[in-house]
Amino acid sequence: MTAQPIHRHEPARVPRNAEGIAAALTAEARKEFYAELLAAAPEEARGVLLRWWGRAMLDTDPDQGMRVSAALAGTTTTTSVRDIIERRRAAGLPVE
């Protein structure tokens, strides 16, 4: 008998590194990304990468149109920070 994963593993749409992020951005956005990353102090670089990774993920989301429409219509599902913290604590994950 073999065990099968419950959820299919799919590779990240946008790798969490500068090269992956840049590849997912438009030419104009890529220039902005590199300019911001090169100007960042070492302690700021992680924040720049995380922020631009988020943008790259949104820009390459196949459901982007639906998500934007839902946000503009006010029908996006939300979760309170309190609920997220409670879930993380229940799972034994850090909350700080």
C-alpha atoms as a PDB file:
ATOM      1  CA  MET A   1       0.000   0.000   0.000  1.00  0.00           C
ATOM      2  CA  THR A   2       1.237   3.492  -0.784  1.00  0.00           C
ATOM      3  CA  ALA A   3       0.157   6.804   0.627  1.00  0.00           C
ATOM      4  CA  GLN A   4      -1.045   9.495  -1.716  1.00  0.00           C
ATOM      5  CA  PRO A   5      -0.968  13.197  -0.839  1.00  0.00           C
ATOM      6  CA  ILE A   6      -4.317  14.770  -0.065  1.00  0.00           C
ATOM      7  CA  HIS A   7      -3.472  17.962  -1.945  1.00  0.00           C
ATOM      8  CA  ARG A   8      -1.644  18.010  -5.240  1.00  0.00           C
ATOM      9  CA  HIS A   9       1.708  19.726  -4.949  1.00  0.00           C
ATOM     10  CA  GLU A  10       2.140  22.377  -7.558  1.00  0.00           C
ATOM     11  CA  PRO A  11       5.290  24.418  -8.024  1.00  0.00           C
ATOM     12  CA  ALA A  12       5.153  28.048  -7.013  1.00  0.00           C
ATOM     13  CA  ARG A  13       3.755  30.239  -9.759  1.00  0.00           C
ATOM     14  CA  VAL A  14       6.374  32.853  -8.876  1.00  0.00           C
ATOM     15  CA  PRO A  15       9.571  31.683  -7.152  1.00  0.00           C
ATOM     16  CA  ARG A  16      10.362  33.679  -4.009  1.00  0.00           C
ATOM     17  CA  ASN A  17      13.642  35.130  -5.250  1.00  0.00           C
ATOM     18  CA  ALA A  18      14.676  38.189  -7.248  1.00  0.00           C
ATOM     19  CA  GLU A  19      15.029  36.259 -10.501  1.00  0.00           C
ATOM     20  CA  GLY A  20      11.590  34.643 -10.215  1.00  0.00           C
ATOM     21  CA  ILE A  21       9.921  37.886  -9.240  1.00  0.00           C
ATOM     22  CA  ALA A  22      11.544  39.825 -12.088  1.00  0.00           C
ATOM     23  CA  ALA A  23      10.545  37.162 -14.624  1.00  0.00           C
ATOM     24  CA  ALA A  24       6.870  37.494 -13.621  1.00  0.00           C
ATOM     25  CA  LEU A  25       6.747  41.290 -13.914  1.00  0.00           C
ATOM     26  CA  THR A  26       6.173  43.488 -16.941  1.00  0.00           C
ATOM     27  CA  ALA A  27       9.224  45.278 -18.314  1.00  0.00           C
ATOM     28  CA  GLU A  28       8.208  48.552 -16.652  1.00  0.00           C
ATOM     29  CA  ALA A  29       7.466  46.945 -13.293  1.00  0.00           C
ATOM     30  CA  ARG A  30      10.715  44.958 -13.503  1.00  0.00           C
ATOM     31  CA  LYS A  31      12.690  48.217 -13.790  1.00  0.00           C
ATOM     32  CA  GLU A  32      10.907  49.600 -10.706  1.00  0.00           C
ATOM     33  CA  PHE A  33      11.534  46.369  -8.812  1.00  0.00           C
ATOM     34  CA  TYR A  34      15.253  46.283  -9.578  1.00  0.00           C
ATOM     35  CA  ALA A  35      15.646  50.004  -8.789  1.00  0.00           C
ATOM     36  CA  GLU A  36      13.939  49.555  -5.418  1.00  0.00           C
ATOM     37  CA  LEU A  37      15.879  46.383  -4.604  1.00  0.00           C
ATOM     38  CA  LEU A  38      19.240  47.921  -5.508  1.00  0.00           C
ATOM     39  CA  ALA A  39      18.503  51.033  -3.440  1.00  0.00           C
ATOM     40  CA  ALA A  40      17.429  49.024  -0.379  1.00  0.00           C
ATOM     41  CA  ALA A  41      19.661  48.650   2.639  1.00  0.00           C
ATOM     42  CA  PRO A  42      20.381  45.003   3.520  1.00  0.00           C
ATOM     43  CA  GLU A  43      17.801  45.039   6.314  1.00  0.00           C
ATOM     44  CA  GLU A  44      15.185  46.417   3.887  1.00  0.00           C
ATOM     45  CA  ALA A  45      15.831  43.957   1.031  1.00  0.00           C
ATOM     46  CA  ARG A  46      13.623  41.209   2.485  1.00  0.00           C
ATOM     47  CA  GLY A  47      10.660  43.592   2.665  1.00  0.00           C
ATOM     48  CA  VAL A  48      11.213  44.701  -0.931  1.00  0.00           C
ATOM     49  CA  LEU A  49      11.309  41.085  -2.109  1.00  0.00           C
ATOM     50  CA  LEU A  50       8.169  40.159  -0.167  1.00  0.00           C
ATOM     51  CA  ARG A  51       6.209  43.174  -1.398  1.00  0.00           C
ATOM     52  CA  TRP A  52       7.153  42.633  -5.038  1.00  0.00           C
ATOM     53  CA  TRP A  53       6.587  38.872  -4.772  1.00  0.00           C
ATOM     54  CA  GLY A  54       3.031  39.649  -3.668  1.00  0.00           C
ATOM     55  CA  ARG A  55       2.550  41.942  -6.635  1.00  0.00           C
ATOM     56  CA  ALA A  56       3.983  39.352  -9.023  1.00  0.00           C
ATOM     57  CA  MET A  57       1.657  36.704  -7.585  1.00  0.00           C
ATOM     58  CA  LEU A  58      -1.348  38.976  -8.059  1.00  0.00           C
ATOM     59  CA  ASP A  59      -0.281  39.983 -11.566  1.00  0.00           C
ATOM     60  CA  THR A  60       0.042  36.332 -12.641  1.00  0.00           C
ATOM     61  CA  ASP A  61      -3.099  35.081 -10.873  1.00  0.00           C
ATOM     62  CA  PRO A  62      -5.339  33.352 -13.437  1.00  0.00           C
ATOM     63  CA  ASP A  63      -8.359  34.445 -11.343  1.00  0.00           C
ATOM     64  CA  GLN A  64      -7.203  38.061 -11.100  1.00  0.00           C
ATOM     65  CA  GLY A  65     -10.237  39.502 -12.906  1.00  0.00           C
ATOM     66  CA  MET A  66     -12.643  37.687 -10.609  1.00  0.00           C
ATOM     67  CA  ARG A  67     -10.719  38.769  -7.507  1.00  0.00           C
ATOM     68  CA  VAL A  68     -10.606  42.415  -8.592  1.00  0.00           C
ATOM     69  CA  SER A  69     -14.327  42.391  -9.401  1.00  0.00           C
ATOM     70  CA  ALA A  70     -15.154  40.874  -6.013  1.00  0.00           C
ATOM     71  CA  ALA A  71     -12.983  43.435  -4.223  1.00  0.00           C
ATOM     72  CA  LEU A  72     -14.582  46.340  -6.086  1.00  0.00           C
ATOM     73  CA  ALA A  73     -18.062  44.945  -5.396  1.00  0.00           C
ATOM     74  CA  GLY A  74     -17.279  44.492  -1.704  1.00  0.00           C
ATOM     75  CA  THR A  75     -17.943  40.760  -1.824  1.00  0.00           C
ATOM     76  CA  THR A  76     -14.436  39.542  -1.043  1.00  0.00           C
ATOM     77  CA  THR A  77     -14.337  37.058   1.801  1.00  0.00           C
ATOM     78  CA  THR A  78     -12.465  38.406   4.799  1.00  0.00           C
ATOM     79  CA  THR A  79     -11.031  36.929   7.987  1.00  0.00           C
ATOM     80  CA  SER A  80     -10.354  38.859  11.148  1.00  0.00           C
ATOM     81  CA  VAL A  81      -6.847  39.044  12.553  1.00  0.00           C
ATOM     82  CA  ARG A  82      -8.213  37.564  15.778  1.00  0.00           C
ATOM     83  CA  ASP A  83      -9.432  34.463  13.899  1.00  0.00           C
ATOM     84  CA  ILE A  84      -6.096  34.065  12.136  1.00  0.00           C
ATOM     85  CA  ILE A  85      -4.198  34.336  15.429  1.00  0.00           C
ATOM     86  CA  GLU A  86      -6.499  31.769  17.059  1.00  0.00           C
ATOM     87  CA  ARG A  87      -6.009  29.354  14.147  1.00  0.00           C
ATOM     88  CA  ARG A  88      -2.239  29.773  14.290  1.00  0.00           C
ATOM     89  CA  ARG A  89      -2.176  29.188  18.056  1.00  0.00           C
ATOM     90  CA  ALA A  90      -4.382  26.109  17.699  1.00  0.00           C
ATOM     91  CA  ALA A  91      -1.981  24.765  15.085  1.00  0.00           C
ATOM     92  CA  GLY A  92       1.039  25.478  17.311  1.00  0.00           C
ATOM     93  CA  LEU A  93       2.374  28.139  14.936  1.00  0.00           C
ATOM     94  CA  PRO A  94       4.041  31.391  16.020  1.00  0.00           C
ATOM     95  CA  VAL A  95       1.889  34.505  16.151  1.00  0.00           C
ATOM     96  CA  GLU A  96       4.559  37.158  16.588  1.00  0.00           C
END
